[in-house]
């Protein structure tokens, strides 16, 4: 419990929480993104993922010898607290702005920024376990730029008008149906995201539990094989055309 309190009271966590609050507050002044819907989740995903990734990487790197099992709960608690900040702000705004389909917005939030933030927290756990704090935090920023760059490059080189991204979830592009719904393709993509989260956690465990390296290496190899398969068949799965 003491480690949880430390993680929540750390300066990086407090600064990140304030930044998220201010960003969400700013979005409340943007028409279309001032209620819990697809557009709000799209706008808040990157800031939330960035904060969760930096906090996770910084916290993990600060405890290089701490067993993984003693880090998981504090990191999950921090992720949950940071996650609740934009959700509470936009939910409060619903008292002043009519939200016709709050539950649909909640589903987009869960599949988009919530899972994206968990992905970034797991990435921070992995990077913070293997790299010094400065490089772990820098790598978080580069990772976000890299995933966004991949999507932009594909937009440029193909007629695809939508994108799936581990941090934001689903991006409908500039041309989309009037009603944006959660598709089976999106759900399948997020199952792949969960397997990637598991891969990050296992790679972190390899560093922190050397006595179990054989089992962990086998698990990492299997999860990596799954990721390679998902990438190789991304066209058939509909996540990239």
C-alpha atoms as a PDB file:
ATOM      1  CA  UNK A   1       0.000   0.000   0.000  1.00  0.00           C
ATOM      2  CA  UNK A   2       2.882   2.346   0.740  1.00  0.00           C
ATOM      3  CA  UNK A   3       4.226   1.856  -2.794  1.00  0.00           C
ATOM      4  CA  UNK A   4       0.810   2.795  -4.191  1.00  0.00           C
ATOM      5  CA  UNK A   5       0.749   6.010  -2.189  1.00  0.00           C
ATOM      6  CA  UNK A   6       4.281   6.804  -3.352  1.00  0.00           C
ATOM      7  CA  UNK A   7       3.366   6.269  -7.000  1.00  0.00           C
ATOM      8  CA  UNK A   8       0.276   8.462  -6.702  1.00  0.00           C
ATOM      9  CA  UNK A   9       2.102  11.225  -4.820  1.00  0.00           C
ATOM     10  CA  UNK A  10       5.136  11.299  -7.113  1.00  0.00           C
ATOM     11  CA  UNK A  11       5.697  14.673  -8.755  1.00  0.00           C
ATOM     12  CA  UNK A  12       5.451  13.240 -12.264  1.00  0.00           C
ATOM     13  CA  UNK A  13       2.036  11.762 -11.426  1.00  0.00           C
ATOM     14  CA  UNK A  14       0.712  15.010  -9.969  1.00  0.00           C
ATOM     15  CA  UNK A  15       1.993  17.069 -12.912  1.00  0.00           C
ATOM     16  CA  UNK A  16       0.513  14.561 -15.343  1.00  0.00           C
ATOM     17  CA  UNK A  17      -2.838  14.637 -13.557  1.00  0.00           C
ATOM     18  CA  UNK A  18      -2.950  18.440 -13.669  1.00  0.00           C
ATOM     19  CA  UNK A  19      -2.011  18.437 -17.361  1.00  0.00           C
ATOM     20  CA  UNK A  20      -4.781  15.946 -18.149  1.00  0.00           C
ATOM     21  CA  UNK A  21      -7.302  18.023 -16.222  1.00  0.00           C
ATOM     22  CA  UNK A  22      -6.349  21.179 -18.124  1.00  0.00           C
ATOM     23  CA  UNK A  23      -6.403  19.454 -21.527  1.00  0.00           C
ATOM     24  CA  UNK A  24      -9.813  17.940 -20.802  1.00  0.00           C
ATOM     25  CA  UNK A  25     -11.085  21.285 -19.578  1.00  0.00           C
ATOM     26  CA  UNK A  26      -9.908  22.883 -22.830  1.00  0.00           C
ATOM     27  CA  UNK A  27     -11.754  20.225 -24.839  1.00  0.00           C
ATOM     28  CA  UNK A  28     -14.976  21.178 -23.068  1.00  0.00           C
ATOM     29  CA  UNK A  29     -14.848  24.396 -25.061  1.00  0.00           C
ATOM     30  CA  UNK A  30     -14.573  22.572 -28.396  1.00  0.00           C
ATOM     31  CA  UNK A  31     -17.862  21.855 -30.117  1.00  0.00           C
ATOM     32  CA  UNK A  32     -18.309  18.150 -30.799  1.00  0.00           C
ATOM     33  CA  UNK A  33     -15.621  17.115 -28.319  1.00  0.00           C
ATOM     34  CA  UNK A  34     -17.296  18.539 -25.219  1.00  0.00           C
ATOM     35  CA  UNK A  35     -19.199  15.366 -24.382  1.00  0.00           C
ATOM     36  CA  UNK A  36     -18.345  11.687 -24.085  1.00  0.00           C
ATOM     37  CA  UNK A  37     -18.365  10.530 -27.693  1.00  0.00           C
ATOM     38  CA  UNK A  38     -16.021   9.253 -30.390  1.00  0.00           C
ATOM     39  CA  UNK A  39     -14.523  12.690 -31.052  1.00  0.00           C
ATOM     40  CA  UNK A  40     -13.690  13.329 -27.401  1.00  0.00           C
ATOM     41  CA  UNK A  41     -12.047   9.922 -27.038  1.00  0.00           C
ATOM     42  CA  UNK A  42     -10.018  10.571 -30.183  1.00  0.00           C
ATOM     43  CA  UNK A  43      -8.814  13.935 -28.851  1.00  0.00           C
ATOM     44  CA  UNK A  44      -7.908  12.784 -25.340  1.00  0.00           C
ATOM     45  CA  UNK A  45      -6.223   9.482 -26.299  1.00  0.00           C
ATOM     46  CA  UNK A  46      -2.743  10.839 -27.080  1.00  0.00           C
ATOM     47  CA  UNK A  47      -2.470  13.144 -24.006  1.00  0.00           C
ATOM     48  CA  UNK A  48      -3.715  10.361 -21.724  1.00  0.00           C
ATOM     49  CA  UNK A  49      -1.416   7.760 -23.272  1.00  0.00           C
ATOM     50  CA  UNK A  50       1.565  10.107 -23.104  1.00  0.00           C
ATOM     51  CA  UNK A  51       1.031  10.890 -19.416  1.00  0.00           C
ATOM     52  CA  UNK A  52       0.449   7.243 -18.461  1.00  0.00           C
ATOM     53  CA  UNK A  53       3.510   6.126 -20.406  1.00  0.00           C
ATOM     54  CA  UNK A  54       5.806   8.755 -18.887  1.00  0.00           C
ATOM     55  CA  UNK A  55       4.535   8.152 -15.346  1.00  0.00           C
ATOM     56  CA  UNK A  56       4.894   4.379 -15.730  1.00  0.00           C
ATOM     57  CA  UNK A  57       8.387   4.582 -17.244  1.00  0.00           C
ATOM     58  CA  UNK A  58       9.579   7.059 -14.617  1.00  0.00           C
ATOM     59  CA  UNK A  59       8.136   5.104 -11.703  1.00  0.00           C
ATOM     60  CA  UNK A  60       9.469   1.770 -12.961  1.00  0.00           C
ATOM     61  CA  UNK A  61      12.959   3.111 -13.636  1.00  0.00           C
ATOM     62  CA  UNK A  62      13.055   4.554 -10.105  1.00  0.00           C
ATOM     63  CA  UNK A  63      12.805   1.012  -8.691  1.00  0.00           C
ATOM     64  CA  UNK A  64      15.224  -1.045 -10.825  1.00  0.00           C
ATOM     65  CA  UNK A  65      15.441  -3.990  -8.410  1.00  0.00           C
ATOM     66  CA  UNK A  66      11.800  -4.162  -7.302  1.00  0.00           C
ATOM     67  CA  UNK A  67      10.071  -7.432  -8.297  1.00  0.00           C
ATOM     68  CA  UNK A  68       7.449  -7.099 -11.000  1.00  0.00           C
ATOM     69  CA  UNK A  69       4.638  -8.266  -8.713  1.00  0.00           C
ATOM     70  CA  UNK A  70       5.317  -5.307  -6.413  1.00  0.00           C
ATOM     71  CA  UNK A  71       5.097  -2.837  -9.305  1.00  0.00           C
ATOM     72  CA  UNK A  72       1.976  -4.052 -11.079  1.00  0.00           C
ATOM     73  CA  UNK A  73      -0.580  -2.872  -8.509  1.00  0.00           C
ATOM     74  CA  UNK A  74       0.870   0.651  -8.055  1.00  0.00           C
ATOM     75  CA  UNK A  75       1.065   1.106 -11.827  1.00  0.00           C
ATOM     76  CA  UNK A  76      -2.494  -0.145 -12.338  1.00  0.00           C
ATOM     77  CA  UNK A  77      -3.736   2.139  -9.555  1.00  0.00           C
ATOM     78  CA  UNK A  78      -1.974   5.113 -11.149  1.00  0.00           C
ATOM     79  CA  UNK A  79      -3.401   4.232 -14.571  1.00  0.00           C
ATOM     80  CA  UNK A  80      -6.895   4.039 -13.102  1.00  0.00           C
ATOM     81  CA  UNK A  81      -6.600   7.383 -11.299  1.00  0.00           C
ATOM     82  CA  UNK A  82      -5.259   9.169 -14.385  1.00  0.00           C
ATOM     83  CA  UNK A  83      -7.944   7.519 -16.485  1.00  0.00           C
ATOM     84  CA  UNK A  84     -10.713   8.817 -14.233  1.00  0.00           C
ATOM     85  CA  UNK A  85      -9.666  12.467 -14.573  1.00  0.00           C
ATOM     86  CA  UNK A  86     -10.855  13.077 -18.169  1.00  0.00           C
ATOM     87  CA  UNK A  87     -13.767  10.681 -17.685  1.00  0.00           C
ATOM     88  CA  UNK A  88     -15.061  12.549 -14.625  1.00  0.00           C
ATOM     89  CA  UNK A  89     -14.623  15.956 -16.263  1.00  0.00           C
ATOM     90  CA  UNK A  90     -16.480  15.008 -19.445  1.00  0.00           C
ATOM     91  CA  UNK A  91     -19.163  13.178 -17.446  1.00  0.00           C
ATOM     92  CA  UNK A  92     -19.714  16.289 -15.338  1.00  0.00           C
ATOM     93  CA  UNK A  93     -20.033  18.319 -18.527  1.00  0.00           C
ATOM     94  CA  UNK A  94     -22.980  16.084 -19.449  1.00  0.00           C
ATOM     95  CA  UNK A  95     -24.960  18.013 -16.828  1.00  0.00           C
ATOM     96  CA  UNK A  96     -24.726  21.062 -19.093  1.00  0.00           C
ATOM     97  CA  UNK A  97     -24.451  19.510 -22.573  1.00  0.00           C
ATOM     98  CA  UNK A  98     -26.970  16.886 -23.658  1.00  0.00           C
ATOM     99  CA  UNK A  99     -25.337  13.545 -24.448  1.00  0.00           C
ATOM    100  CA  UNK A 100     -27.677  11.425 -26.541  1.00  0.00           C
ATOM    101  CA  UNK A 101     -25.714   8.184 -26.176  1.00  0.00           C
ATOM    102  CA  UNK A 102     -23.489   8.188 -23.094  1.00  0.00           C
ATOM    103  CA  UNK A 103     -23.069   4.397 -23.047  1.00  0.00           C
ATOM    104  CA  UNK A 104     -21.790   4.358 -26.623  1.00  0.00           C
ATOM    105  CA  UNK A 105     -19.296   7.065 -25.700  1.00  0.00           C
ATOM    106  CA  UNK A 106     -18.244   5.035 -22.682  1.00  0.00           C
ATOM    107  CA  UNK A 107     -17.571   2.045 -24.934  1.00  0.00           C
ATOM    108  CA  UNK A 108     -15.440   4.171 -27.266  1.00  0.00           C
ATOM    109  CA  UNK A 109     -13.593   5.516 -24.219  1.00  0.00           C
ATOM    110  CA  UNK A 110     -12.906   2.006 -22.911  1.00  0.00           C
ATOM    111  CA  UNK A 111     -11.676   0.669 -26.256  1.00  0.00           C
ATOM    112  CA  UNK A 112      -9.837   3.843 -27.246  1.00  0.00           C
ATOM    113  CA  UNK A 113      -8.009   5.986 -24.674  1.00  0.00           C
ATOM    114  CA  UNK A 114      -8.501   3.624 -21.711  1.00  0.00           C
ATOM    115  CA  UNK A 115      -6.933   0.618 -23.416  1.00  0.00           C
ATOM    116  CA  UNK A 116      -4.427   2.874 -25.159  1.00  0.00           C
ATOM    117  CA  UNK A 117      -3.337   4.272 -21.786  1.00  0.00           C
ATOM    118  CA  UNK A 118      -2.973   0.737 -20.411  1.00  0.00           C
ATOM    119  CA  UNK A 119      -0.866  -0.104 -23.468  1.00  0.00           C
ATOM    120  CA  UNK A 120       1.383   2.890 -22.778  1.00  0.00           C
ATOM    121  CA  UNK A 121       1.618   2.005 -19.078  1.00  0.00           C
ATOM    122  CA  UNK A 122       2.753  -1.509 -20.008  1.00  0.00           C
ATOM    123  CA  UNK A 123       5.233  -0.041 -22.482  1.00  0.00           C
ATOM    124  CA  UNK A 124       6.537   2.248 -19.727  1.00  0.00           C
ATOM    125  CA  UNK A 125       6.908  -0.781 -17.464  1.00  0.00           C
ATOM    126  CA  UNK A 126       9.002  -2.545 -20.092  1.00  0.00           C
ATOM    127  CA  UNK A 127      11.159   0.448 -20.991  1.00  0.00           C
ATOM    128  CA  UNK A 128      11.626   1.486 -17.362  1.00  0.00           C
ATOM    129  CA  UNK A 129      12.792  -2.028 -16.518  1.00  0.00           C
ATOM    130  CA  UNK A 130      15.509  -2.066 -19.161  1.00  0.00           C
ATOM    131  CA  UNK A 131      16.533   1.574 -19.620  1.00  0.00           C
ATOM    132  CA  UNK A 132      17.613   4.459 -17.372  1.00  0.00           C
ATOM    133  CA  UNK A 133      14.760   6.817 -16.521  1.00  0.00           C
ATOM    134  CA  UNK A 134      15.792   9.540 -18.969  1.00  0.00           C
ATOM    135  CA  UNK A 135      15.976   7.165 -21.921  1.00  0.00           C
ATOM    136  CA  UNK A 136      12.829   5.311 -20.907  1.00  0.00           C
ATOM    137  CA  UNK A 137      10.801   8.532 -20.844  1.00  0.00           C
ATOM    138  CA  UNK A 138      12.341   9.725 -24.121  1.00  0.00           C
ATOM    139  CA  UNK A 139      11.486   6.388 -25.728  1.00  0.00           C
ATOM    140  CA  UNK A 140       7.838   6.823 -24.712  1.00  0.00           C
ATOM    141  CA  UNK A 141       7.641  10.060 -26.698  1.00  0.00           C
ATOM    142  CA  UNK A 142       9.445   8.506 -29.673  1.00  0.00           C
ATOM    143  CA  UNK A 143       7.112   5.502 -29.597  1.00  0.00           C
ATOM    144  CA  UNK A 144       4.043   7.732 -29.855  1.00  0.00           C
ATOM    145  CA  UNK A 145       5.612   9.663 -32.732  1.00  0.00           C
ATOM    146  CA  UNK A 146       6.559   6.390 -34.406  1.00  0.00           C
ATOM    147  CA  UNK A 147       3.060   4.884 -34.280  1.00  0.00           C
ATOM    148  CA  UNK A 148       1.542   8.139 -35.547  1.00  0.00           C
ATOM    149  CA  UNK A 149       4.182   8.336 -38.270  1.00  0.00           C
ATOM    150  CA  UNK A 150       3.363   4.810 -39.435  1.00  0.00           C
ATOM    151  CA  UNK A 151      -0.313   5.744 -39.822  1.00  0.00           C
ATOM    152  CA  UNK A 152       0.517   8.968 -41.654  1.00  0.00           C
ATOM    153  CA  UNK A 153       2.886   7.152 -44.006  1.00  0.00           C
ATOM    154  CA  UNK A 154       0.218   4.600 -44.814  1.00  0.00           C
ATOM    155  CA  UNK A 155      -2.341   7.353 -45.435  1.00  0.00           C
ATOM    156  CA  UNK A 156       0.095   8.918 -47.889  1.00  0.00           C
ATOM    157  CA  UNK A 157       0.895   5.699 -49.747  1.00  0.00           C
ATOM    158  CA  UNK A 158      -2.572   4.131 -49.922  1.00  0.00           C
ATOM    159  CA  UNK A 159      -6.221   5.046 -50.450  1.00  0.00           C
ATOM    160  CA  UNK A 160      -7.068   3.963 -46.898  1.00  0.00           C
ATOM    161  CA  UNK A 161      -9.118   6.596 -45.063  1.00  0.00           C
ATOM    162  CA  UNK A 162      -9.176   4.945 -41.638  1.00  0.00           C
ATOM    163  CA  UNK A 163      -6.539   3.706 -39.238  1.00  0.00           C
ATOM    164  CA  UNK A 164      -6.112   1.503 -36.196  1.00  0.00           C
ATOM    165  CA  UNK A 165      -3.574   2.661 -33.660  1.00  0.00           C
ATOM    166  CA  UNK A 166      -2.623   1.035 -30.329  1.00  0.00           C
ATOM    167  CA  UNK A 167      -2.922   4.352 -28.479  1.00  0.00           C
ATOM    168  CA  UNK A 168      -6.000   5.998 -29.969  1.00  0.00           C
ATOM    169  CA  UNK A 169      -7.773   2.833 -31.072  1.00  0.00           C
ATOM    170  CA  UNK A 170      -9.748   3.659 -34.215  1.00  0.00           C
ATOM    171  CA  UNK A 171      -9.414   6.733 -36.418  1.00  0.00           C
ATOM    172  CA  UNK A 172     -12.198   7.093 -38.972  1.00  0.00           C
ATOM    173  CA  UNK A 173     -10.302   9.556 -41.185  1.00  0.00           C
ATOM    174  CA  UNK A 174     -11.675  12.669 -42.827  1.00  0.00           C
ATOM    175  CA  UNK A 175     -14.372  10.723 -44.681  1.00  0.00           C
ATOM    176  CA  UNK A 176     -16.584   8.503 -42.570  1.00  0.00           C
ATOM    177  CA  UNK A 177     -20.144   7.328 -42.079  1.00  0.00           C
ATOM    178  CA  UNK A 178     -22.452   9.651 -40.199  1.00  0.00           C
ATOM    179  CA  UNK A 179     -22.731   7.074 -37.419  1.00  0.00           C
ATOM    180  CA  UNK A 180     -19.428   5.629 -36.187  1.00  0.00           C
ATOM    181  CA  UNK A 181     -19.858   2.280 -34.474  1.00  0.00           C
ATOM    182  CA  UNK A 182     -17.640  -0.250 -32.745  1.00  0.00           C
ATOM    183  CA  UNK A 183     -17.050  -2.973 -35.327  1.00  0.00           C
ATOM    184  CA  UNK A 184     -15.930  -6.568 -34.908  1.00  0.00           C
ATOM    185  CA  UNK A 185     -12.689  -5.585 -36.649  1.00  0.00           C
ATOM    186  CA  UNK A 186     -12.054  -2.980 -33.955  1.00  0.00           C
ATOM    187  CA  UNK A 187     -12.711  -5.522 -31.202  1.00  0.00           C
ATOM    188  CA  UNK A 188     -10.362  -8.028 -32.844  1.00  0.00           C
ATOM    189  CA  UNK A 189      -7.701  -5.333 -33.151  1.00  0.00           C
ATOM    190  CA  UNK A 190      -7.978  -4.599 -29.440  1.00  0.00           C
ATOM    191  CA  UNK A 191      -7.517  -8.287 -28.627  1.00  0.00           C
ATOM    192  CA  UNK A 192      -4.214  -7.940 -30.448  1.00  0.00           C
ATOM    193  CA  UNK A 193      -3.435  -4.883 -28.326  1.00  0.00           C
ATOM    194  CA  UNK A 194      -4.002  -6.946 -25.178  1.00  0.00           C
ATOM    195  CA  UNK A 195      -1.533  -9.557 -26.412  1.00  0.00           C
ATOM    196  CA  UNK A 196       1.005  -6.778 -27.000  1.00  0.00           C
ATOM    197  CA  UNK A 197       0.417  -5.493 -23.459  1.00  0.00           C
ATOM    198  CA  UNK A 198       1.117  -9.006 -22.195  1.00  0.00           C
ATOM    199  CA  UNK A 199       4.314  -9.092 -24.271  1.00  0.00           C
ATOM    200  CA  UNK A 200       5.545  -5.838 -22.697  1.00  0.00           C
ATOM    201  CA  UNK A 201       4.858  -7.196 -19.206  1.00  0.00           C
ATOM    202  CA  UNK A 202       6.695 -10.457 -19.923  1.00  0.00           C
ATOM    203  CA  UNK A 203       9.734  -8.605 -21.316  1.00  0.00           C
ATOM    204  CA  UNK A 204       9.783  -6.495 -18.144  1.00  0.00           C
ATOM    205  CA  UNK A 205       9.569  -9.662 -16.058  1.00  0.00           C
ATOM    206  CA  UNK A 206      12.581 -11.154 -17.863  1.00  0.00           C
ATOM    207  CA  UNK A 207      14.677  -8.317 -16.455  1.00  0.00           C
ATOM    208  CA  UNK A 208      13.200  -8.465 -12.960  1.00  0.00           C
ATOM    209  CA  UNK A 209      12.855 -12.226 -12.487  1.00  0.00           C
ATOM    210  CA  UNK A 210      16.055 -13.815 -13.855  1.00  0.00           C
ATOM    211  CA  UNK A 211      15.308 -17.114 -12.097  1.00  0.00           C
ATOM    212  CA  UNK A 212      12.334 -17.647 -14.425  1.00  0.00           C
ATOM    213  CA  UNK A 213      14.006 -16.559 -17.627  1.00  0.00           C
ATOM    214  CA  UNK A 214      13.448 -19.820 -19.528  1.00  0.00           C
ATOM    215  CA  UNK A 215       9.685 -19.775 -19.005  1.00  0.00           C
ATOM    216  CA  UNK A 216       9.475 -16.044 -19.618  1.00  0.00           C
ATOM    217  CA  UNK A 217      11.548 -16.236 -22.795  1.00  0.00           C
ATOM    218  CA  UNK A 218       9.254 -18.966 -24.101  1.00  0.00           C
ATOM    219  CA  UNK A 219       6.191 -16.853 -23.284  1.00  0.00           C
ATOM    220  CA  UNK A 220       7.752 -13.789 -24.907  1.00  0.00           C
ATOM    221  CA  UNK A 221       8.589 -15.793 -28.034  1.00  0.00           C
ATOM    222  CA  UNK A 222       5.014 -17.049 -28.291  1.00  0.00           C
ATOM    223  CA  UNK A 223       3.529 -13.572 -27.825  1.00  0.00           C
ATOM    224  CA  UNK A 224       5.999 -12.125 -30.320  1.00  0.00           C
ATOM    225  CA  UNK A 225       4.956 -14.786 -32.819  1.00  0.00           C
ATOM    226  CA  UNK A 226       1.330 -13.744 -32.312  1.00  0.00           C
ATOM    227  CA  UNK A 227       2.263 -10.118 -32.992  1.00  0.00           C
ATOM    228  CA  UNK A 228       4.158 -11.074 -36.139  1.00  0.00           C
ATOM    229  CA  UNK A 229       1.136 -13.029 -37.349  1.00  0.00           C
ATOM    230  CA  UNK A 230      -1.226 -10.122 -36.683  1.00  0.00           C
ATOM    231  CA  UNK A 231       1.083  -7.780 -38.563  1.00  0.00           C
ATOM    232  CA  UNK A 232       1.588 -10.147 -41.487  1.00  0.00           C
ATOM    233  CA  UNK A 233      -2.160 -10.698 -41.924  1.00  0.00           C
ATOM    234  CA  UNK A 234      -3.263  -7.137 -41.114  1.00  0.00           C
ATOM    235  CA  UNK A 235      -4.782  -6.740 -44.592  1.00  0.00           C
ATOM    236  CA  UNK A 236      -6.850  -9.905 -44.248  1.00  0.00           C
ATOM    237  CA  UNK A 237      -7.943  -8.867 -40.756  1.00  0.00           C
ATOM    238  CA  UNK A 238      -9.081  -5.494 -42.059  1.00  0.00           C
ATOM    239  CA  UNK A 239      -6.897  -3.355 -39.816  1.00  0.00           C
ATOM    240  CA  UNK A 240      -4.887  -2.085 -42.767  1.00  0.00           C
ATOM    241  CA  UNK A 241      -5.737  -2.048 -46.465  1.00  0.00           C
END
